[in-house]
Amino acid sequence: MNKANRKTLTGTVVSNKMDKTVVVAVTTAAKHGMYSKTIKVTNKYKAHDEKNECGMGDKVMIEECRPLSREKRWNVASIIEKAPGAMY
């Protein structure tokens, strides 16, 4: 996979209890097939956090990568915003 063609998503860290892994919830807007109403769709992705820097509630950008484990296919590219009141 070429670095220029990697997908990126922005979401919120909802769990950091695993070692070097965070769960990121990404919310997108989608149109309902029958009723054409815009609804929020939330997907959770497991992402690799090499230095265990991410905390609960942090806003992060994740990028696609090769499979790292059974469910991990994303890397934490950057921390956009730390959660308010987070312990450093």
C-alpha atoms as a PDB file:
ATOM      1  CA  MET A   1       0.000   0.000   0.000  1.00  0.00           C
ATOM      2  CA  ASN A   2       1.418   3.324  -1.098  1.00  0.00           C
ATOM      3  CA  LYS A   3       1.682   5.978   1.641  1.00  0.00           C
ATOM      4  CA  ALA A   4      -0.048   8.519  -0.589  1.00  0.00           C
ATOM      5  CA  ASN A   5      -3.119   6.297  -1.026  1.00  0.00           C
ATOM      6  CA  ARG A   6      -3.820   5.545   2.643  1.00  0.00           C
ATOM      7  CA  LYS A   7      -7.260   6.400   3.986  1.00  0.00           C
ATOM      8  CA  THR A   8      -7.464   8.635   7.052  1.00  0.00           C
ATOM      9  CA  LEU A   9     -10.300   8.991   9.540  1.00  0.00           C
ATOM     10  CA  THR A  10     -10.866  11.276  12.505  1.00  0.00           C
ATOM     11  CA  GLY A  11     -12.498  10.042  15.683  1.00  0.00           C
ATOM     12  CA  THR A  12     -12.534   9.892  19.468  1.00  0.00           C
ATOM     13  CA  VAL A  13     -10.688   7.391  21.652  1.00  0.00           C
ATOM     14  CA  VAL A  14     -13.261   5.370  23.604  1.00  0.00           C
ATOM     15  CA  SER A  15     -10.897   2.793  25.146  1.00  0.00           C
ATOM     16  CA  ASN A  16      -7.168   2.663  25.870  1.00  0.00           C
ATOM     17  CA  LYS A  17      -7.099  -0.344  28.207  1.00  0.00           C
ATOM     18  CA  MET A  18      -5.061  -2.545  25.868  1.00  0.00           C
ATOM     19  CA  ASP A  19      -1.299  -2.328  25.486  1.00  0.00           C
ATOM     20  CA  LYS A  20      -0.329  -0.269  22.403  1.00  0.00           C
ATOM     21  CA  THR A  21      -3.910  -0.400  21.116  1.00  0.00           C
ATOM     22  CA  VAL A  22      -6.762   2.104  21.293  1.00  0.00           C
ATOM     23  CA  VAL A  23     -10.369   1.849  20.169  1.00  0.00           C
ATOM     24  CA  VAL A  24     -11.434   4.859  18.096  1.00  0.00           C
ATOM     25  CA  ALA A  25     -15.104   5.690  17.441  1.00  0.00           C
ATOM     26  CA  VAL A  26     -15.610   7.398  14.079  1.00  0.00           C
ATOM     27  CA  THR A  27     -18.983   9.064  13.471  1.00  0.00           C
ATOM     28  CA  THR A  28     -20.162   9.749   9.919  1.00  0.00           C
ATOM     29  CA  ALA A  29     -23.411  10.957   8.389  1.00  0.00           C
ATOM     30  CA  ALA A  30     -25.288   8.573   6.109  1.00  0.00           C
ATOM     31  CA  LYS A  31     -28.590   8.831   4.316  1.00  0.00           C
ATOM     32  CA  HIS A  32     -31.277   6.282   5.166  1.00  0.00           C
ATOM     33  CA  GLY A  33     -32.107   4.167   2.125  1.00  0.00           C
ATOM     34  CA  MET A  34     -35.886   4.340   2.303  1.00  0.00           C
ATOM     35  CA  TYR A  35     -36.656   7.522   4.232  1.00  0.00           C
ATOM     36  CA  SER A  36     -33.767   9.718   2.955  1.00  0.00           C
ATOM     37  CA  LYS A  37     -33.205  11.031   6.465  1.00  0.00           C
ATOM     38  CA  THR A  38     -29.622  11.783   7.471  1.00  0.00           C
ATOM     39  CA  ILE A  39     -28.565   9.579  10.376  1.00  0.00           C
ATOM     40  CA  LYS A  40     -25.361   9.292  12.416  1.00  0.00           C
ATOM     41  CA  VAL A  41     -23.418   6.062  11.969  1.00  0.00           C
ATOM     42  CA  THR A  42     -20.657   5.221  14.460  1.00  0.00           C
ATOM     43  CA  ASN A  43     -17.999   2.633  13.673  1.00  0.00           C
ATOM     44  CA  LYS A  44     -15.274   1.489  16.073  1.00  0.00           C
ATOM     45  CA  TYR A  45     -11.762   0.774  14.834  1.00  0.00           C
ATOM     46  CA  LYS A  46      -8.825  -0.700  16.741  1.00  0.00           C
ATOM     47  CA  ALA A  47      -5.693   1.360  16.080  1.00  0.00           C
ATOM     48  CA  HIS A  48      -2.027   0.859  16.960  1.00  0.00           C
ATOM     49  CA  ASP A  49      -0.657   3.392  19.465  1.00  0.00           C
ATOM     50  CA  GLU A  50       3.073   2.599  19.693  1.00  0.00           C
ATOM     51  CA  LYS A  51       3.940   4.880  22.645  1.00  0.00           C
ATOM     52  CA  ASN A  52       0.637   4.542  24.570  1.00  0.00           C
ATOM     53  CA  GLU A  53       0.141   8.326  24.270  1.00  0.00           C
ATOM     54  CA  CYS A  54      -3.626   8.387  23.676  1.00  0.00           C
ATOM     55  CA  GLY A  55      -6.054   8.858  26.529  1.00  0.00           C
ATOM     56  CA  MET A  56      -9.798   8.446  26.820  1.00  0.00           C
ATOM     57  CA  GLY A  57     -11.659  11.217  24.984  1.00  0.00           C
ATOM     58  CA  ASP A  58      -8.713  12.333  22.834  1.00  0.00           C
ATOM     59  CA  LYS A  59      -9.520  13.352  19.281  1.00  0.00           C
ATOM     60  CA  VAL A  60      -7.156  11.470  16.944  1.00  0.00           C
ATOM     61  CA  MET A  61      -6.498  10.918  13.263  1.00  0.00           C
ATOM     62  CA  ILE A  62      -5.964   7.295  12.229  1.00  0.00           C
ATOM     63  CA  GLU A  63      -4.549   6.013   8.963  1.00  0.00           C
ATOM     64  CA  GLU A  64      -4.886   2.705   7.167  1.00  0.00           C
ATOM     65  CA  CYS A  65      -1.995   0.235   7.352  1.00  0.00           C
ATOM     66  CA  ARG A  66      -1.192  -3.420   6.825  1.00  0.00           C
ATOM     67  CA  PRO A  67      -2.886  -5.910   9.168  1.00  0.00           C
ATOM     68  CA  LEU A  68      -1.098  -5.818  12.527  1.00  0.00           C
ATOM     69  CA  SER A  69      -3.306  -8.371  14.287  1.00  0.00           C
ATOM     70  CA  ARG A  70      -6.669 -10.051  13.799  1.00  0.00           C
ATOM     71  CA  GLU A  71      -8.620  -6.796  14.154  1.00  0.00           C
ATOM     72  CA  LYS A  72      -5.981  -4.022  13.937  1.00  0.00           C
ATOM     73  CA  ARG A  73      -5.662  -2.392  10.507  1.00  0.00           C
ATOM     74  CA  TRP A  74      -5.139   1.255  11.541  1.00  0.00           C
ATOM     75  CA  ASN A  75      -2.319   3.372  13.021  1.00  0.00           C
ATOM     76  CA  VAL A  76      -2.718   6.496  15.137  1.00  0.00           C
ATOM     77  CA  ALA A  77      -1.294   9.147  12.810  1.00  0.00           C
ATOM     78  CA  SER A  78      -1.612  12.093  15.193  1.00  0.00           C
ATOM     79  CA  ILE A  79      -3.377  13.342  18.284  1.00  0.00           C
ATOM     80  CA  ILE A  80      -5.443  16.332  17.203  1.00  0.00           C
ATOM     81  CA  GLU A  81      -6.728  17.370  20.594  1.00  0.00           C
ATOM     82  CA  LYS A  82      -6.199  16.026  24.110  1.00  0.00           C
ATOM     83  CA  ALA A  83      -9.285  15.470  26.249  1.00  0.00           C
ATOM     84  CA  PRO A  84     -10.033  18.248  28.724  1.00  0.00           C
ATOM     85  CA  GLY A  85      -8.871  17.368  32.221  1.00  0.00           C
ATOM     86  CA  ALA A  86      -6.759  14.462  30.960  1.00  0.00           C
ATOM     87  CA  MET A  87      -3.897  13.228  33.094  1.00  0.00           C
ATOM     88  CA  TYR A  88      -0.547  13.514  31.329  1.00  0.00           C
END
